[in-house]
Amino acid sequence: MDQNNKDELRQISEVQDRLIGMYTHRDPDEVATAVQSAYRHFDDTRVRDFVPLLVERRANSDLGGSDVMVDPAAVPPHLGE
């Protein structure tokens, strides 16, 4: 397993931990299943840079959350506005 694979798996594990923390009312195994299902969805993706982010959004959406992971109020305004 190369370093990129290890980094990606570490990031997927972090996604899983983060979503388990967000969905405390759900069984952690259910959250893990959603993350693994989302991860498998991207198995054939050649460019892997954004896979962890896409997995997090997809799993969050599958668990009933939004596919947008950031609170809009926390985003700083754009310059010139």
PDB file of N, CA and C in Angstrom:
ATOM      1  N   MET A   1       0.856  -1.172   0.000  1.00  0.00           N
ATOM      2  CA  MET A   1       0.000   0.000   0.000  1.00  0.00           C
ATOM      3  C   MET A   1       0.901   1.234   0.000  1.00  0.00           C
ATOM      4  N   ASP A   2       0.673   2.138  -0.950  1.00  0.00           N
ATOM      5  CA  ASP A   2       1.519   3.322  -1.018  1.00  0.00           C
ATOM      6  C   ASP A   2       1.041   4.402  -0.039  1.00  0.00           C
ATOM      7  N   GLN A   3       1.838   5.445   0.090  1.00  0.00           N
ATOM      8  CA  GLN A   3       1.561   6.507   1.059  1.00  0.00           C
ATOM      9  C   GLN A   3       0.244   7.220   0.762  1.00  0.00           C
ATOM     10  N   ASN A   4      -0.065   7.423  -0.516  1.00  0.00           N
ATOM     11  CA  ASN A   4      -1.327   8.083  -0.871  1.00  0.00           C
ATOM     12  C   ASN A   4      -2.521   7.269  -0.392  1.00  0.00           C
ATOM     13  N   ASN A   5      -2.435   5.947  -0.558  1.00  0.00           N
ATOM     14  CA  ASN A   5      -3.505   5.060  -0.084  1.00  0.00           C
ATOM     15  C   ASN A   5      -3.660   5.147   1.424  1.00  0.00           C
ATOM     16  N   LYS A   6      -2.533   5.147   2.135  1.00  0.00           N
ATOM     17  CA  LYS A   6      -2.571   5.247   3.595  1.00  0.00           C
ATOM     18  C   LYS A   6      -3.200   6.563   4.039  1.00  0.00           C
ATOM     19  N   ASP A   7      -2.811   7.654   3.366  1.00  0.00           N
ATOM     20  CA  ASP A   7      -3.374   8.962   3.705  1.00  0.00           C
ATOM     21  C   ASP A   7      -4.878   8.995   3.453  1.00  0.00           C
ATOM     22  N   GLU A   8      -5.296   8.427   2.324  1.00  0.00           N
ATOM     23  CA  GLU A   8      -6.718   8.411   2.000  1.00  0.00           C
ATOM     24  C   GLU A   8      -7.495   7.599   3.036  1.00  0.00           C
ATOM     25  N   LEU A   9      -6.990   6.440   3.413  1.00  0.00           N
ATOM     26  CA  LEU A   9      -7.671   5.617   4.415  1.00  0.00           C
ATOM     27  C   LEU A   9      -7.728   6.313   5.775  1.00  0.00           C
ATOM     28  N   ARG A  10      -6.658   7.036   6.119  1.00  0.00           N
ATOM     29  CA  ARG A  10      -6.656   7.800   7.367  1.00  0.00           C
ATOM     30  C   ARG A  10      -7.738   8.878   7.319  1.00  0.00           C
ATOM     31  N   GLN A  11      -7.845   9.562   6.182  1.00  0.00           N
ATOM     32  CA  GLN A  11      -8.853  10.609   6.033  1.00  0.00           C
ATOM     33  C   GLN A  11     -10.264  10.026   6.084  1.00  0.00           C
ATOM     34  N   ILE A  12     -10.477   8.872   5.488  1.00  0.00           N
ATOM     35  CA  ILE A  12     -11.793   8.228   5.536  1.00  0.00           C
ATOM     36  C   ILE A  12     -12.128   7.849   6.976  1.00  0.00           C
ATOM     37  N   SER A  13     -11.144   7.386   7.717  1.00  0.00           N
ATOM     38  CA  SER A  13     -11.353   7.071   9.132  1.00  0.00           C
ATOM     39  C   SER A  13     -11.732   8.324   9.917  1.00  0.00           C
ATOM     40  N   GLU A  14     -11.095   9.443   9.603  1.00  0.00           N
ATOM     41  CA  GLU A  14     -11.426  10.713  10.251  1.00  0.00           C
ATOM     42  C   GLU A  14     -12.847  11.152   9.894  1.00  0.00           C
ATOM     43  N   VAL A  15     -13.231  10.961   8.635  1.00  0.00           N
ATOM     44  CA  VAL A  15     -14.605  11.265   8.209  1.00  0.00           C
ATOM     45  C   VAL A  15     -15.585  10.434   9.023  1.00  0.00           C
ATOM     46  N   GLN A  16     -15.300   9.152   9.140  1.00  0.00           N
ATOM     47  CA  GLN A  16     -16.185   8.259   9.895  1.00  0.00           C
ATOM     48  C   GLN A  16     -16.300   8.719  11.350  1.00  0.00           C
ATOM     49  N   ASP A  17     -15.185   9.029  11.978  1.00  0.00           N
ATOM     50  CA  ASP A  17     -15.208   9.495  13.367  1.00  0.00           C
ATOM     51  C   ASP A  17     -16.002  10.791  13.505  1.00  0.00           C
ATOM     52  N   ARG A  18     -15.805  11.705  12.561  1.00  0.00           N
ATOM     53  CA  ARG A  18     -16.508  12.990  12.594  1.00  0.00           C
ATOM     54  C   ARG A  18     -18.021  12.781  12.468  1.00  0.00           C
ATOM     55  N   LEU A  19     -18.426  11.924  11.541  1.00  0.00           N
ATOM     56  CA  LEU A  19     -19.859  11.688  11.346  1.00  0.00           C
ATOM     57  C   LEU A  19     -20.471  10.928  12.525  1.00  0.00           C
ATOM     58  N   ILE A  20     -19.731  10.022  13.125  1.00  0.00           N
ATOM     59  CA  ILE A  20     -20.229   9.344  14.330  1.00  0.00           C
ATOM     60  C   ILE A  20     -20.463  10.374  15.428  1.00  0.00           C
ATOM     61  N   GLY A  21     -19.572  11.359  15.534  1.00  0.00           N
ATOM     62  CA  GLY A  21     -19.748  12.438  16.503  1.00  0.00           C
ATOM     63  C   GLY A  21     -20.938  13.324  16.196  1.00  0.00           C
ATOM     64  N   MET A  22     -21.242  13.499  14.916  1.00  0.00           N
ATOM     65  CA  MET A  22     -22.393  14.320  14.518  1.00  0.00           C
ATOM     66  C   MET A  22     -23.705  13.571  14.709  1.00  0.00           C
ATOM     67  N   TYR A  23     -23.688  12.279  14.491  1.00  0.00           N
ATOM     68  CA  TYR A  23     -24.906  11.469  14.530  1.00  0.00           C
ATOM     69  C   TYR A  23     -24.910  10.581  15.771  1.00  0.00           C
ATOM     70  N   THR A  24     -24.864  11.215  16.931  1.00  0.00           N
ATOM     71  CA  THR A  24     -24.824  10.467  18.191  1.00  0.00           C
ATOM     72  C   THR A  24     -26.114   9.685  18.424  1.00  0.00           C
ATOM     73  N   HIS A  25     -27.188  10.088  17.767  1.00  0.00           N
ATOM     74  CA  HIS A  25     -28.470   9.389  17.908  1.00  0.00           C
ATOM     75  C   HIS A  25     -28.570   8.165  16.991  1.00  0.00           C
ATOM     76  N   ARG A  26     -27.566   7.966  16.142  1.00  0.00           N
ATOM     77  CA  ARG A  26     -27.541   6.809  15.239  1.00  0.00           C
ATOM     78  C   ARG A  26     -26.525   5.801  15.756  1.00  0.00           C
ATOM     79  N   ASP A  27     -26.741   4.554  15.430  1.00  0.00           N
ATOM     80  CA  ASP A  27     -25.796   3.498  15.776  1.00  0.00           C
ATOM     81  C   ASP A  27     -24.486   3.757  15.019  1.00  0.00           C
ATOM     82  N   PRO A  28     -23.344   3.743  15.703  1.00  0.00           N
ATOM     83  CA  PRO A  28     -22.069   3.975  15.019  1.00  0.00           C
ATOM     84  C   PRO A  28     -21.822   3.012  13.851  1.00  0.00           C
ATOM     85  N   ASP A  29     -22.321   1.786  13.953  1.00  0.00           N
ATOM     86  CA  ASP A  29     -22.175   0.836  12.842  1.00  0.00           C
ATOM     87  C   ASP A  29     -22.954   1.292  11.614  1.00  0.00           C
ATOM     88  N   GLU A  30     -24.098   1.928  11.835  1.00  0.00           N
ATOM     89  CA  GLU A  30     -24.898   2.457  10.725  1.00  0.00           C
ATOM     90  C   GLU A  30     -24.139   3.583  10.023  1.00  0.00           C
ATOM     91  N   VAL A  31     -23.507   4.441  10.811  1.00  0.00           N
ATOM     92  CA  VAL A  31     -22.709   5.527  10.243  1.00  0.00           C
ATOM     93  C   VAL A  31     -21.515   4.949   9.484  1.00  0.00           C
ATOM     94  N   ALA A  32     -20.844   3.972  10.074  1.00  0.00           N
ATOM     95  CA  ALA A  32     -19.697   3.336   9.420  1.00  0.00           C
ATOM     96  C   ALA A  32     -20.112   2.695   8.101  1.00  0.00           C
ATOM     97  N   THR A  33     -21.270   2.070   8.079  1.00  0.00           N
ATOM     98  CA  THR A  33     -21.777   1.455   6.851  1.00  0.00           C
ATOM     99  C   THR A  33     -22.029   2.513   5.786  1.00  0.00           C
ATOM    100  N   ALA A  34     -22.599   3.649   6.182  1.00  0.00           N
ATOM    101  CA  ALA A  34     -22.854   4.739   5.231  1.00  0.00           C
ATOM    102  C   ALA A  34     -21.540   5.267   4.659  1.00  0.00           C
ATOM    103  N   VAL A  35     -20.532   5.407   5.510  1.00  0.00           N
ATOM    104  CA  VAL A  35     -19.227   5.894   5.051  1.00  0.00           C
ATOM    105  C   VAL A  35     -18.595   4.890   4.090  1.00  0.00           C
ATOM    106  N   GLN A  36     -18.618   3.619   4.430  1.00  0.00           N
ATOM    107  CA  GLN A  36     -18.016   2.602   3.569  1.00  0.00           C
ATOM    108  C   GLN A  36     -18.757   2.484   2.238  1.00  0.00           C
ATOM    109  N   SER A  37     -20.070   2.618   2.274  1.00  0.00           N
ATOM    110  CA  SER A  37     -20.859   2.591   1.040  1.00  0.00           C
ATOM    111  C   SER A  37     -20.503   3.783   0.155  1.00  0.00           C
ATOM    112  N   ALA A  38     -20.396   4.950   0.774  1.00  0.00           N
ATOM    113  CA  ALA A  38     -20.017   6.151   0.022  1.00  0.00           C
ATOM    114  C   ALA A  38     -18.607   5.998  -0.547  1.00  0.00           C
ATOM    115  N   TYR A  39     -17.710   5.424   0.232  1.00  0.00           N
ATOM    116  CA  TYR A  39     -16.327   5.227  -0.215  1.00  0.00           C
ATOM    117  C   TYR A  39     -16.272   4.276  -1.411  1.00  0.00           C
ATOM    118  N   ARG A  40     -17.020   3.192  -1.356  1.00  0.00           N
ATOM    119  CA  ARG A  40     -17.059   2.236  -2.478  1.00  0.00           C
ATOM    120  C   ARG A  40     -17.608   2.884  -3.750  1.00  0.00           C
ATOM    121  N   HIS A  41     -18.494   3.859  -3.593  1.00  0.00           N
ATOM    122  CA  HIS A  41     -19.058   4.553  -4.749  1.00  0.00           C
ATOM    123  C   HIS A  41     -17.949   5.171  -5.610  1.00  0.00           C
ATOM    124  N   PHE A  42     -16.842   5.546  -4.982  1.00  0.00           N
ATOM    125  CA  PHE A  42     -15.753   6.214  -5.687  1.00  0.00           C
ATOM    126  C   PHE A  42     -14.582   5.277  -6.014  1.00  0.00           C
ATOM    127  N   ASP A  43     -14.811   3.972  -5.969  1.00  0.00           N
ATOM    128  CA  ASP A  43     -13.743   2.997  -6.237  1.00  0.00           C
ATOM    129  C   ASP A  43     -13.054   3.202  -7.583  1.00  0.00           C
ATOM    130  N   ASP A  44     -13.798   3.546  -8.602  1.00  0.00           N
ATOM    131  CA  ASP A  44     -13.230   3.656  -9.944  1.00  0.00           C
ATOM    132  C   ASP A  44     -12.759   5.061 -10.289  1.00  0.00           C
ATOM    133  N   THR A  45     -12.799   5.959  -9.322  1.00  0.00           N
ATOM    134  CA  THR A  45     -12.370   7.337  -9.555  1.00  0.00           C
ATOM    135  C   THR A  45     -10.853   7.374  -9.673  1.00  0.00           C
ATOM    136  N   ARG A  46     -10.370   7.916 -10.775  1.00  0.00           N
ATOM    137  CA  ARG A  46      -8.918   7.945 -10.998  1.00  0.00           C
ATOM    138  C   ARG A  46      -8.248   9.063 -10.213  1.00  0.00           C
ATOM    139  N   VAL A  47      -8.843  10.235 -10.189  1.00  0.00           N
ATOM    140  CA  VAL A  47      -8.291  11.346  -9.418  1.00  0.00           C
ATOM    141  C   VAL A  47      -8.844  11.219  -8.003  1.00  0.00           C
ATOM    142  N   ARG A  48      -7.972  10.971  -7.030  1.00  0.00           N
ATOM    143  CA  ARG A  48      -8.393  10.610  -5.675  1.00  0.00           C
ATOM    144  C   ARG A  48      -8.334  11.777  -4.686  1.00  0.00           C
ATOM    145  N   ASP A  49      -7.858  12.945  -5.120  1.00  0.00           N
ATOM    146  CA  ASP A  49      -7.603  14.051  -4.196  1.00  0.00           C
ATOM    147  C   ASP A  49      -8.810  14.446  -3.359  1.00  0.00           C
ATOM    148  N   PHE A  50      -9.988  14.420  -3.939  1.00  0.00           N
ATOM    149  CA  PHE A  50     -11.174  14.910  -3.244  1.00  0.00           C
ATOM    150  C   PHE A  50     -12.098  13.801  -2.753  1.00  0.00           C
ATOM    151  N   VAL A  51     -11.676  12.564  -2.873  1.00  0.00           N
ATOM    152  CA  VAL A  51     -12.528  11.439  -2.476  1.00  0.00           C
ATOM    153  C   VAL A  51     -12.981  11.542  -1.016  1.00  0.00           C
ATOM    154  N   PRO A  52     -12.093  11.836  -0.048  1.00  0.00           N
ATOM    155  CA  PRO A  52     -12.579  11.931   1.338  1.00  0.00           C
ATOM    156  C   PRO A  52     -13.680  12.984   1.522  1.00  0.00           C
ATOM    157  N   LEU A  53     -13.529  14.134   0.890  1.00  0.00           N
ATOM    158  CA  LEU A  53     -14.562  15.171   0.978  1.00  0.00           C
ATOM    159  C   LEU A  53     -15.867  14.693   0.356  1.00  0.00           C
ATOM    160  N   LEU A  54     -15.778  14.071  -0.809  1.00  0.00           N
ATOM    161  CA  LEU A  54     -16.976  13.575  -1.481  1.00  0.00           C
ATOM    162  C   LEU A  54     -17.642  12.457  -0.682  1.00  0.00           C
ATOM    163  N   VAL A  55     -16.834  11.608  -0.057  1.00  0.00           N
ATOM    164  CA  VAL A  55     -17.372  10.539   0.791  1.00  0.00           C
ATOM    165  C   VAL A  55     -18.122  11.150   1.966  1.00  0.00           C
ATOM    166  N   GLU A  56     -17.524  12.162   2.594  1.00  0.00           N
ATOM    167  CA  GLU A  56     -18.179  12.789   3.746  1.00  0.00           C
ATOM    168  C   GLU A  56     -19.517  13.399   3.350  1.00  0.00           C
ATOM    169  N   ARG A  57     -19.543  14.105   2.252  1.00  0.00           N
ATOM    170  CA  ARG A  57     -20.797  14.722   1.797  1.00  0.00           C
ATOM    171  C   ARG A  57     -21.846  13.666   1.461  1.00  0.00           C
ATOM    172  N   ARG A  58     -21.432  12.624   0.756  1.00  0.00           N
ATOM    173  CA  ARG A  58     -22.387  11.583   0.348  1.00  0.00           C
ATOM    174  C   ARG A  58     -22.921  10.827   1.563  1.00  0.00           C
ATOM    175  N   ALA A  59     -22.039  10.441   2.472  1.00  0.00           N
ATOM    176  CA  ALA A  59     -22.470   9.706   3.667  1.00  0.00           C
ATOM    177  C   ALA A  59     -23.361  10.580   4.536  1.00  0.00           C
ATOM    178  N   ASN A  60     -23.011  11.838   4.701  1.00  0.00           N
ATOM    179  CA  ASN A  60     -23.832  12.755   5.486  1.00  0.00           C
ATOM    180  C   ASN A  60     -25.223  12.881   4.878  1.00  0.00           C
ATOM    181  N   SER A  61     -25.284  13.013   3.574  1.00  0.00           N
ATOM    182  CA  SER A  61     -26.571  13.098   2.886  1.00  0.00           C
ATOM    183  C   SER A  61     -27.368  11.805   3.059  1.00  0.00           C
ATOM    184  N   ASP A  62     -26.695  10.662   2.943  1.00  0.00           N
ATOM    185  CA  ASP A  62     -27.362   9.365   3.112  1.00  0.00           C
ATOM    186  C   ASP A  62     -27.911   9.183   4.527  1.00  0.00           C
ATOM    187  N   LEU A  63     -27.261   9.821   5.493  1.00  0.00           N
ATOM    188  CA  LEU A  63     -27.699   9.717   6.888  1.00  0.00           C
ATOM    189  C   LEU A  63     -28.788  10.730   7.230  1.00  0.00           C
ATOM    190  N   GLY A  64     -29.197  11.521   6.247  1.00  0.00           N
ATOM    191  CA  GLY A  64     -30.293  12.458   6.463  1.00  0.00           C
ATOM    192  C   GLY A  64     -29.862  13.892   6.654  1.00  0.00           C
ATOM    193  N   GLY A  65     -28.572  14.141   6.547  1.00  0.00           N
ATOM    194  CA  GLY A  65     -28.070  15.504   6.678  1.00  0.00           C
ATOM    195  C   GLY A  65     -27.977  16.169   5.323  1.00  0.00           C
ATOM    196  N   SER A  66     -27.408  17.341   5.323  1.00  0.00           N
ATOM    197  CA  SER A  66     -27.206  18.093   4.095  1.00  0.00           C
ATOM    198  C   SER A  66     -25.947  17.598   3.399  1.00  0.00           C
ATOM    199  N   ASP A  67     -25.886  17.772   2.088  1.00  0.00           N
ATOM    200  CA  ASP A  67     -24.647  17.436   1.399  1.00  0.00           C
ATOM    201  C   ASP A  67     -23.677  18.614   1.423  1.00  0.00           C
ATOM    202  N   VAL A  68     -24.092  19.708   2.081  1.00  0.00           N
ATOM    203  CA  VAL A  68     -23.226  20.865   2.302  1.00  0.00           C
ATOM    204  C   VAL A  68     -22.762  20.788   3.744  1.00  0.00           C
ATOM    205  N   MET A  69     -21.469  20.655   3.958  1.00  0.00           N
ATOM    206  CA  MET A  69     -20.947  20.366   5.288  1.00  0.00           C
ATOM    207  C   MET A  69     -20.552  21.597   6.094  1.00  0.00           C
ATOM    208  N   VAL A  70     -20.652  22.771   5.539  1.00  0.00           N
ATOM    209  CA  VAL A  70     -20.202  23.955   6.263  1.00  0.00           C
ATOM    210  C   VAL A  70     -21.402  24.824   6.620  1.00  0.00           C
ATOM    211  N   ASP A  71     -21.347  25.429   7.782  1.00  0.00           N
ATOM    212  CA  ASP A  71     -22.376  26.368   8.208  1.00  0.00           C
ATOM    213  C   ASP A  71     -22.147  27.669   7.444  1.00  0.00           C
ATOM    214  N   PRO A  72     -23.108  28.125   6.622  1.00  0.00           N
ATOM    215  CA  PRO A  72     -22.905  29.339   5.829  1.00  0.00           C
ATOM    216  C   PRO A  72     -22.549  30.555   6.679  1.00  0.00           C
ATOM    217  N   ALA A  73     -23.021  30.607   7.916  1.00  0.00           N
ATOM    218  CA  ALA A  73     -22.710  31.739   8.787  1.00  0.00           C
ATOM    219  C   ALA A  73     -21.233  31.755   9.168  1.00  0.00           C
ATOM    220  N   ALA A  74     -20.563  30.618   9.062  1.00  0.00           N
ATOM    221  CA  ALA A  74     -19.157  30.533   9.438  1.00  0.00           C
ATOM    222  C   ALA A  74     -18.217  30.905   8.290  1.00  0.00           C
ATOM    223  N   VAL A  75     -18.763  31.095   7.096  1.00  0.00           N
ATOM    224  CA  VAL A  75     -17.942  31.434   5.942  1.00  0.00           C
ATOM    225  C   VAL A  75     -17.746  32.940   5.908  1.00  0.00           C
ATOM    226  N   PRO A  76     -16.496  33.410   5.860  1.00  0.00           N
ATOM    227  CA  PRO A  76     -16.276  34.858   5.826  1.00  0.00           C
ATOM    228  C   PRO A  76     -16.810  35.449   4.530  1.00  0.00           C
ATOM    229  N   PRO A  77     -17.276  36.697   4.591  1.00  0.00           N
ATOM    230  CA  PRO A  77     -17.801  37.333   3.373  1.00  0.00           C
ATOM    231  C   PRO A  77     -16.686  37.520   2.346  1.00  0.00           C
ATOM    232  N   HIS A  78     -17.082  37.546   1.085  1.00  0.00           N
ATOM    233  CA  HIS A  78     -16.114  37.762   0.010  1.00  0.00           C
ATOM    234  C   HIS A  78     -15.684  39.223   0.007  1.00  0.00           C
ATOM    235  N   LEU A  79     -14.483  39.452  -0.445  1.00  0.00           N
ATOM    236  CA  LEU A  79     -14.004  40.823  -0.573  1.00  0.00           C
ATOM    237  C   LEU A  79     -14.862  41.566  -1.584  1.00  0.00           C
ATOM    238  N   GLY A  80     -15.110  42.819  -1.306  1.00  0.00           N
ATOM    239  CA  GLY A  80     -15.866  43.636  -2.246  1.00  0.00           C
ATOM    240  C   GLY A  80     -17.362  43.587  -2.047  1.00  0.00           C
ATOM    241  N   GLU A  81     -17.826  42.816  -1.096  1.00  0.00           N
ATOM    242  CA  GLU A  81     -19.272  42.745  -0.863  1.00  0.00           C
ATOM    243  C   GLU A  81     -19.672  43.750   0.174  1.00  0.00           C
TER     244      GLU A  81
END
